[in-house]
Amino acid sequence: MTLPSFSKLPFFEPKHSLVRDKVRDWLEKEPNIDFHDEADANVISKKFVISQGKAGLLEYLVADPDLPDISELDVRSICILREETAYRSALADSALVVQGIATAGIARFGSKKLQEIYLGGTRRGELIPAFALSEPGGGSDVSATKTKAIEDGDDYILSGTKMWTSNAGVADFYVVVARTGTEKEGARGLSAFVIDADMKGFRVGDPIITSAPHPMAFTHYENVRVPKWRMIGRPGDGFPIAMSTLDIFRPTVGAACLGIARRALDETLAWISERELYGRRMADIETVQFKIADMMVNLELAALATYRAAWTRDHADGQRTTLEASMAKLVGSEAAFKVVDEAVQLFGGMGVTRGSVVEHLYRDIRAMRVYEGASEVHRSILGRAVAKSAKRGSS
């Protein structure tokens, strides 16, 4: 059995042990936590959100609108929640984190009215949000957003199509990034709005079936009339809202990857301890031991990158932590993928048998190398920053 990376790292305070105990208690009591009927992903995801709200877990991801000064989220707490939850269920992890991703912009930039309408219910698991950012022709290039919001008196008329919208079809409201400026303005011409699922002109399109179960679909906006008070922040704040949200939640992707990788290693250790090959336990074969060693090293790399970034964010004092977030997402997802891939290899035929634990983990971890910025996007972010720094240093 692997030791939890949590206990080895120097980034925590006593309160974080309480967070870990709280989520573990919920995981032990949740009856559907290991249920992975992919046809029912939407239904199960919604049940998870309601249960997480009752357990108080969403309080760590969604700001309290009743506080006089809405404080920053504690990213280390979110990472602990995601690592522990993803160890048992990537679907439960997804249900958990979208509650935070979709409301972070409202908490940080939104009016008091928006905060009062949406944060409390989301915190309690009574409202389910969605974050509609990516588009069919843009992917990770947010500056290529085509969805438009045209000013019309006291309203905006919102038109366009979004893709990869998590919680589409189960969400009560959607945070939508649209272009209020010209295309020449790029990212500076984007704004963010909150629309309700029952607003005229909004509809959920075809579901998107991915390798891992997850509520996701196209969303369509056909001349949706959005009152100006539903804009988050000011015109042009859409890109900063999206990027500040990703700064918070990209390190937590690394934590979810870490949870999946820990589960893969534990499953593998149990397997090789019982399985015999050529008259010997697999655990006693040197080449197998080499693979286990590599898995342990990659697990620790993922943990260090993730919790270093989370600690940095929690101590940033308002400063951007984009590079740390990108490193955590990149290293966490890539290192964890190597762990799970080795697990599949050591399980042999069972590792690629549909329905086995490690086969499911493989599909879960593969998706995490893509969403919230594919690995290549993060390499580009980091590479540009290093090149820019080197150029400045030589001048």
Protein backbone atom coordinates (compact mmCIF):
# COMPACT_ATOMS: atom_id res chain seq x y z
CA MET A 1 0.00 0.00 0.00
CA THR A 2 1.43 3.40 -0.93
CA LEU A 3 1.83 6.12 1.64
CA PRO A 4 -0.35 9.18 0.85
CA SER A 5 1.87 11.85 -0.66
CA PHE A 6 0.00 14.30 1.57
CA SER A 7 1.89 13.08 4.63
CA LYS A 8 5.31 13.59 3.08
CA LEU A 9 5.15 17.14 1.81
CA PRO A 10 5.92 20.38 3.71
CA PHE A 11 3.15 22.52 2.20
CA PHE A 12 0.33 21.95 4.67
CA GLU A 13 -1.20 23.36 7.84
CA PRO A 14 -3.25 21.55 10.52
CA LYS A 15 -6.50 22.62 8.82
CA HIS A 16 -5.62 20.53 5.79
CA SER A 17 -5.76 17.31 7.79
CA LEU A 18 -9.35 18.19 8.64
CA VAL A 19 -10.14 18.65 4.94
CA ARG A 20 -8.70 15.24 4.15
CA ASP A 21 -10.67 13.58 6.96
CA LYS A 22 -13.88 15.28 5.82
CA VAL A 23 -13.63 14.13 2.22
CA ARG A 24 -12.61 10.62 3.21
CA ASP A 25 -15.62 10.41 5.48
CA TRP A 26 -17.87 11.44 2.58
CA LEU A 27 -16.24 8.92 0.24
CA GLU A 28 -16.80 6.10 2.72
CA LYS A 29 -20.48 6.97 3.17
CA GLU A 30 -21.36 7.76 -0.48
CA PRO A 31 -23.15 4.65 -1.82
CA ASN A 32 -22.57 5.35 -5.54
CA ILE A 33 -18.92 6.31 -5.38
CA ASP A 34 -17.65 3.28 -7.30
CA PHE A 35 -20.59 3.16 -9.71
CA HIS A 36 -19.47 3.88 -13.25
CA ASP A 37 -22.42 3.19 -15.54
CA GLU A 38 -21.40 5.53 -18.33
CA ALA A 39 -24.91 5.76 -19.75
CA ASP A 40 -26.04 7.37 -16.49
CA ALA A 41 -23.14 9.82 -16.08
CA ASN A 42 -25.44 12.86 -16.06
CA VAL A 43 -27.74 11.40 -13.42
CA ILE A 44 -24.94 10.14 -11.19
CA SER A 45 -23.00 13.42 -11.51
CA LYS A 46 -26.00 15.42 -10.33
CA LYS A 47 -26.48 13.08 -7.37
CA PHE A 48 -22.82 13.55 -6.47
CA VAL A 49 -23.18 17.35 -6.42
CA ILE A 50 -26.21 17.20 -4.13
CA SER A 51 -24.40 14.80 -1.80
CA GLN A 52 -21.19 16.88 -1.81
CA GLY A 53 -23.19 19.98 -0.96
CA LYS A 54 -24.84 18.29 2.02
CA ALA A 55 -21.45 17.07 3.22
CA GLY A 56 -20.03 20.61 3.14
CA LEU A 57 -17.34 19.81 0.57
CA LEU A 58 -18.44 22.53 -1.86
CA GLU A 59 -17.72 25.18 0.75
CA TYR A 60 -14.05 24.80 -0.15
CA LEU A 61 -14.69 25.48 -3.84
CA VAL A 62 -17.38 28.16 -3.83
CA ALA A 63 -16.98 31.46 -1.99
CA ASP A 64 -19.43 32.45 0.75
CA PRO A 65 -21.55 35.38 -0.52
CA ASP A 66 -22.49 36.35 3.04
CA LEU A 67 -18.96 37.29 3.99
CA PRO A 68 -18.29 41.05 3.92
CA ASP A 69 -15.09 40.39 1.94
CA ILE A 70 -15.11 37.24 -0.18
CA SER A 71 -11.71 35.72 0.50
CA GLU A 72 -9.50 33.74 -1.83
CA LEU A 73 -10.11 30.02 -2.12
CA ASP A 74 -7.54 27.79 -0.41
CA VAL A 75 -6.09 25.91 -3.37
CA ARG A 76 -4.35 23.31 -1.21
CA SER A 77 -7.72 22.33 0.25
CA ILE A 78 -9.18 21.96 -3.24
CA CYS A 79 -6.21 19.83 -4.26
CA ILE A 80 -6.72 17.53 -1.29
CA LEU A 81 -10.40 17.19 -2.11
CA ARG A 82 -9.64 16.35 -5.73
CA GLU A 83 -6.80 13.92 -5.00
CA GLU A 84 -8.89 11.93 -2.52
CA THR A 85 -12.04 12.01 -4.66
CA ALA A 86 -10.33 11.09 -7.94
CA TYR A 87 -8.71 8.12 -6.20
CA ARG A 88 -12.19 6.64 -5.95
CA SER A 89 -14.08 8.22 -8.86
CA ALA A 90 -13.09 10.62 -11.62
CA LEU A 91 -16.78 11.31 -12.23
CA ALA A 92 -17.26 12.42 -8.62
CA ASP A 93 -14.15 14.56 -8.94
CA SER A 94 -15.53 16.24 -12.06
CA ALA A 95 -18.85 16.92 -10.36
CA LEU A 96 -16.99 18.52 -7.48
CA VAL A 97 -14.62 20.80 -9.37
CA VAL A 98 -17.02 22.29 -11.93
CA GLN A 99 -18.93 23.85 -9.02
CA GLY A 100 -15.82 25.89 -8.34
CA ILE A 101 -14.59 26.55 -11.87
CA ALA A 102 -17.92 27.99 -13.00
CA THR A 103 -18.38 30.28 -10.00
CA ALA A 104 -14.84 31.58 -9.39
CA GLY A 105 -15.35 34.47 -11.80
CA ILE A 106 -18.61 35.47 -10.12
CA ALA A 107 -16.92 35.45 -6.72
CA ARG A 108 -13.87 37.43 -7.85
CA PHE A 109 -15.36 39.85 -10.38
CA GLY A 110 -19.15 39.66 -10.16
CA SER A 111 -21.57 42.15 -8.67
CA LYS A 112 -23.08 41.60 -5.25
CA LYS A 113 -26.37 40.80 -6.98
CA LEU A 114 -24.83 37.98 -9.03
CA GLN A 115 -23.02 36.66 -5.98
CA GLU A 116 -26.19 36.59 -3.91
CA ILE A 117 -28.22 34.85 -6.62
CA TYR A 118 -25.75 32.12 -7.56
CA LEU A 119 -23.05 31.45 -4.97
CA GLY A 120 -25.09 30.31 -1.99
CA GLY A 121 -27.13 27.73 -3.86
CA THR A 122 -24.06 26.41 -5.66
CA ARG A 123 -22.21 26.13 -2.34
CA ARG A 124 -25.02 24.01 -0.92
CA GLY A 125 -25.29 21.78 -3.99
CA GLU A 126 -28.74 23.16 -4.80
CA LEU A 127 -27.62 24.81 -8.05
CA ILE A 128 -25.37 23.28 -10.70
CA PRO A 129 -23.30 25.62 -12.90
CA ALA A 130 -21.47 25.22 -16.19
CA PHE A 131 -18.55 27.14 -17.70
CA ALA A 132 -18.90 27.68 -21.46
CA LEU A 133 -15.54 28.82 -22.79
CA SER A 134 -14.21 26.61 -25.60
CA GLU A 135 -15.60 26.63 -29.14
CA PRO A 136 -15.50 24.21 -32.08
CA GLY A 137 -13.01 26.32 -34.03
CA GLY A 138 -10.90 27.60 -31.16
CA GLY A 139 -10.15 24.89 -28.61
CA SER A 140 -7.50 26.20 -26.23
CA ASP A 141 -7.19 29.47 -28.17
CA VAL A 142 -9.61 31.61 -26.18
CA SER A 143 -8.70 34.70 -28.20
CA ALA A 144 -10.35 33.04 -31.24
CA THR A 145 -13.80 33.17 -29.60
CA LYS A 146 -16.56 33.72 -32.19
CA THR A 147 -19.62 33.79 -29.94
CA LYS A 148 -20.84 37.40 -29.96
CA ALA A 149 -22.70 39.60 -27.51
CA ILE A 150 -24.06 42.72 -29.22
CA GLU A 151 -25.18 45.63 -27.09
CA ASP A 152 -28.90 46.46 -27.42
CA GLY A 153 -30.17 49.06 -24.95
CA ASP A 154 -30.10 47.58 -21.46
CA ASP A 155 -29.29 44.14 -22.82
CA TYR A 156 -26.81 42.16 -24.88
CA ILE A 157 -27.91 39.80 -27.64
CA LEU A 158 -25.82 36.65 -27.32
CA SER A 159 -25.31 34.34 -30.32
CA GLY A 160 -22.92 31.48 -31.02
CA THR A 161 -21.96 27.90 -30.20
CA LYS A 162 -19.81 26.46 -27.44
CA MET A 163 -18.23 23.01 -27.28
CA TRP A 164 -16.90 20.86 -24.44
CA THR A 165 -19.34 22.46 -21.99
CA SER A 166 -19.12 20.41 -18.80
CA ASN A 167 -22.46 19.93 -17.03
CA ALA A 168 -24.36 20.88 -20.18
CA GLY A 169 -27.85 19.47 -19.80
CA VAL A 170 -27.73 19.23 -16.00
CA ALA A 171 -26.68 22.82 -15.19
CA ASP A 172 -29.08 25.42 -13.84
CA PHE A 173 -26.95 28.32 -15.09
CA TYR A 174 -24.05 28.91 -17.47
CA VAL A 175 -21.10 31.31 -17.35
CA VAL A 176 -20.49 32.18 -21.00
CA VAL A 177 -17.50 34.02 -22.48
CA ALA A 178 -18.47 35.99 -25.61
CA ARG A 179 -17.04 38.69 -27.82
CA THR A 180 -18.28 42.20 -27.09
CA GLY A 181 -15.44 43.90 -28.97
CA THR A 182 -14.01 43.43 -32.46
CA GLU A 183 -12.11 40.36 -33.60
CA LYS A 184 -9.00 42.54 -34.03
CA GLU A 185 -9.05 43.11 -30.27
CA GLY A 186 -8.51 39.39 -29.72
CA ALA A 187 -8.68 38.41 -26.06
CA ARG A 188 -9.16 42.06 -25.00
CA GLY A 189 -12.60 42.08 -26.65
CA LEU A 190 -14.13 39.30 -24.56
CA SER A 191 -16.67 39.56 -21.75
CA ALA A 192 -18.37 37.05 -19.44
CA PHE A 193 -22.08 36.65 -18.74
CA VAL A 194 -24.32 34.52 -16.55
CA ILE A 195 -27.37 33.04 -18.22
CA ASP A 196 -30.01 30.70 -16.82
CA ALA A 197 -30.77 27.39 -18.49
CA ASP A 198 -34.38 28.39 -19.15
CA MET A 199 -33.60 31.66 -20.98
CA LYS A 200 -35.18 31.97 -24.42
CA GLY A 201 -32.81 31.18 -27.27
CA PHE A 202 -30.51 28.94 -25.21
CA ARG A 203 -30.44 25.22 -25.86
CA VAL A 204 -28.24 22.25 -25.16
CA GLY A 205 -27.07 20.48 -28.31
CA ASP A 206 -25.68 17.04 -29.01
CA PRO A 207 -23.93 15.28 -26.15
CA ILE A 208 -20.19 14.73 -26.49
CA ILE A 209 -19.25 11.16 -25.65
CA THR A 210 -15.70 11.00 -24.33
CA SER A 211 -13.50 8.08 -23.30
CA ALA A 212 -14.34 8.70 -19.64
CA PRO A 213 -17.92 9.28 -18.39
CA HIS A 214 -18.64 12.96 -18.04
CA PRO A 215 -21.69 15.23 -18.62
CA MET A 216 -20.65 17.26 -21.66
CA ALA A 217 -22.33 18.69 -24.75
CA PHE A 218 -22.50 21.49 -27.29
CA THR A 219 -24.42 24.58 -26.15
CA HIS A 220 -26.14 26.95 -28.57
CA TYR A 221 -27.06 30.60 -28.09
CA GLU A 222 -29.57 31.94 -30.61
CA ASN A 223 -30.19 35.63 -29.95
CA VAL A 224 -30.34 35.16 -26.20
CA ARG A 225 -31.33 38.47 -24.61
CA VAL A 226 -29.06 38.97 -21.59
CA PRO A 227 -29.62 41.95 -19.27
CA LYS A 228 -26.47 44.01 -18.69
CA TRP A 229 -26.50 43.29 -14.96
CA ARG A 230 -25.68 39.68 -15.85
CA MET A 231 -22.24 40.65 -17.13
CA ILE A 232 -19.45 39.58 -14.78
CA GLY A 233 -17.24 42.59 -14.16
CA ARG A 234 -16.86 45.06 -17.02
CA PRO A 235 -16.75 44.78 -20.81
CA GLY A 236 -13.42 43.24 -21.76
CA ASP A 237 -12.96 41.35 -18.48
CA GLY A 238 -13.78 37.97 -20.03
CA PHE A 239 -10.21 36.88 -20.69
CA PRO A 240 -8.83 37.95 -17.28
CA ILE A 241 -11.76 36.16 -15.62
CA ALA A 242 -11.04 32.96 -17.55
CA MET A 243 -7.29 33.10 -16.94
CA SER A 244 -7.56 33.89 -13.23
CA THR A 245 -9.95 30.96 -12.87
CA LEU A 246 -7.47 28.65 -14.60
CA ASP A 247 -4.65 29.92 -12.36
CA ILE A 248 -6.67 28.64 -9.41
CA PHE A 249 -7.87 25.35 -10.83
CA ARG A 250 -5.07 24.12 -13.09
CA PRO A 251 -2.95 22.99 -10.10
CA THR A 252 -5.97 21.03 -8.88
CA VAL A 253 -5.99 19.06 -12.15
CA GLY A 254 -2.56 17.83 -11.09
CA ALA A 255 -4.10 16.75 -7.79
CA ALA A 256 -6.85 14.78 -9.51
CA CYS A 257 -4.20 13.12 -11.68
CA LEU A 258 -2.26 12.30 -8.54
CA GLY A 259 -5.29 10.58 -7.03
CA ILE A 260 -5.81 8.46 -10.14
CA ALA A 261 -2.11 7.56 -10.23
CA ARG A 262 -2.11 6.55 -6.56
CA ARG A 263 -5.08 4.27 -7.20
CA ALA A 264 -3.28 2.72 -10.19
CA LEU A 265 -0.17 2.03 -8.12
CA ASP A 266 -2.16 0.51 -5.25
CA GLU A 267 -4.07 -1.72 -7.67
CA THR A 268 -0.78 -2.76 -9.28
CA LEU A 269 0.92 -3.59 -5.99
CA ALA A 270 -1.99 -5.80 -5.01
CA TRP A 271 -1.90 -7.49 -8.43
CA ILE A 272 1.82 -8.26 -8.55
CA SER A 273 1.78 -9.52 -4.97
CA GLU A 274 -0.72 -12.25 -5.90
CA ARG A 275 0.07 -12.91 -9.57
CA GLU A 276 2.64 -15.55 -10.50
CA LEU A 277 4.70 -15.53 -13.66
CA TYR A 278 7.07 -18.36 -14.64
CA GLY A 279 6.77 -19.86 -11.17
CA ARG A 280 7.55 -16.63 -9.29
CA ARG A 281 5.53 -13.80 -7.83
CA MET A 282 5.60 -10.85 -10.19
CA ALA A 283 6.68 -8.69 -7.25
CA ASP A 284 9.92 -10.70 -7.00
CA ILE A 285 10.90 -10.17 -10.65
CA GLU A 286 13.54 -7.46 -11.05
CA THR A 287 12.13 -5.93 -14.23
CA VAL A 288 8.76 -5.57 -12.52
CA GLN A 289 10.45 -3.91 -9.56
CA PHE A 290 12.07 -1.44 -11.97
CA LYS A 291 8.63 -0.49 -13.26
CA ILE A 292 7.30 -0.03 -9.73
CA ALA A 293 10.28 2.21 -8.95
CA ASP A 294 9.51 4.38 -11.98
CA MET A 295 5.86 4.57 -10.93
CA MET A 296 6.83 5.75 -7.44
CA VAL A 297 9.18 8.41 -8.82
CA ASN A 298 6.54 9.77 -11.19
CA LEU A 299 3.99 9.77 -8.39
CA GLU A 300 6.27 11.92 -6.27
CA LEU A 301 6.99 14.26 -9.18
CA ALA A 302 3.27 14.80 -9.65
CA ALA A 303 2.78 15.46 -5.94
CA LEU A 304 5.66 17.92 -5.65
CA ALA A 305 4.65 19.94 -8.72
CA THR A 306 0.99 20.02 -7.68
CA TYR A 307 1.33 21.04 -4.06
CA ARG A 308 4.18 23.45 -4.70
CA ALA A 309 1.92 25.30 -7.15
CA ALA A 310 -1.01 25.18 -4.73
CA TRP A 311 1.14 26.54 -1.88
CA THR A 312 2.47 29.28 -4.16
CA ARG A 313 -1.07 30.29 -5.15
CA ASP A 314 -2.19 30.38 -1.51
CA HIS A 315 0.72 32.71 -0.66
CA ALA A 316 0.63 34.80 -3.82
CA ASP A 317 -0.92 37.89 -2.22
CA GLY A 318 -2.77 38.83 -5.38
CA GLN A 319 0.08 38.06 -7.79
CA ARG A 320 -0.47 35.86 -10.85
CA THR A 321 0.77 32.27 -10.60
CA THR A 322 0.27 31.26 -14.22
CA LEU A 323 3.64 29.55 -14.64
CA GLU A 324 3.33 27.50 -11.46
CA ALA A 325 -0.20 26.49 -12.46
CA SER A 326 0.96 25.42 -15.92
CA MET A 327 3.84 23.40 -14.50
CA ALA A 328 1.53 21.63 -12.06
CA LYS A 329 -0.98 20.77 -14.76
CA LEU A 330 1.72 19.64 -17.20
CA VAL A 331 3.88 17.63 -14.79
CA GLY A 332 0.93 16.28 -12.83
CA SER A 333 -0.93 14.95 -15.85
CA GLU A 334 2.12 13.65 -17.73
CA ALA A 335 3.75 11.96 -14.74
CA ALA A 336 0.46 10.44 -13.62
CA PHE A 337 -0.20 9.15 -17.13
CA LYS A 338 3.12 7.28 -17.05
CA VAL A 339 2.10 5.65 -13.77
CA VAL A 340 -1.25 4.49 -15.11
CA ASP A 341 0.27 3.35 -18.40
CA GLU A 342 2.75 1.17 -16.53
CA ALA A 343 -0.12 -0.24 -14.47
CA VAL A 344 -1.94 -1.26 -17.66
CA GLN A 345 1.25 -2.90 -18.93
CA LEU A 346 1.78 -4.90 -15.75
CA PHE A 347 -1.85 -6.06 -15.73
CA GLY A 348 -1.40 -7.43 -19.24
CA GLY A 349 -4.64 -8.53 -20.86
CA MET A 350 -6.66 -7.49 -17.83
CA GLY A 351 -5.24 -4.00 -18.19
CA VAL A 352 -7.01 -3.48 -21.49
CA THR A 353 -10.19 -5.38 -20.59
CA ARG A 354 -13.19 -3.07 -20.61
CA GLY A 355 -14.52 -2.63 -17.10
CA SER A 356 -11.33 -3.45 -15.18
CA VAL A 357 -10.19 -0.79 -12.70
CA VAL A 358 -6.91 0.07 -14.43
CA GLU A 359 -8.57 0.21 -17.86
CA HIS A 360 -11.01 2.74 -16.45
CA LEU A 361 -8.18 4.69 -14.83
CA TYR A 362 -6.35 4.78 -18.17
CA ARG A 363 -9.32 6.41 -19.89
CA ASP A 364 -9.71 8.87 -17.01
CA ILE A 365 -6.07 9.95 -16.96
CA ARG A 366 -5.80 10.19 -20.74
CA ALA A 367 -8.51 12.85 -20.83
CA MET A 368 -6.72 14.91 -18.18
CA ARG A 369 -3.73 15.45 -20.48
CA VAL A 370 -6.08 17.38 -22.76
CA TYR A 371 -8.57 19.45 -20.79
CA GLU A 372 -7.78 22.81 -19.15
CA GLY A 373 -5.04 23.20 -21.72
CA ALA A 374 -3.37 20.28 -23.48
CA SER A 375 0.21 19.50 -22.50
CA GLU A 376 1.48 21.26 -25.63
CA VAL A 377 -0.33 24.45 -24.60
CA HIS A 378 1.42 24.45 -21.24
CA ARG A 379 4.79 23.75 -22.80
CA SER A 380 4.16 26.77 -25.02
CA ILE A 381 3.23 28.95 -22.02
CA LEU A 382 6.35 27.91 -20.13
CA GLY A 383 8.64 28.06 -23.14
CA ARG A 384 7.55 31.58 -24.07
CA ALA A 385 8.07 32.76 -20.51
CA VAL A 386 11.59 31.31 -20.32
CA ALA A 387 12.52 32.71 -23.74
CA LYS A 388 11.21 36.14 -22.80
CA SER A 389 13.17 36.06 -19.55
CA ALA A 390 16.36 35.00 -21.35
CA LYS A 391 15.96 37.80 -23.90
CA ARG A 392 15.46 40.37 -21.14
CA GLY A 393 18.51 39.08 -19.29
CA SER A 394 20.77 39.41 -22.32
CA SER A 395 19.77 42.96 -23.15
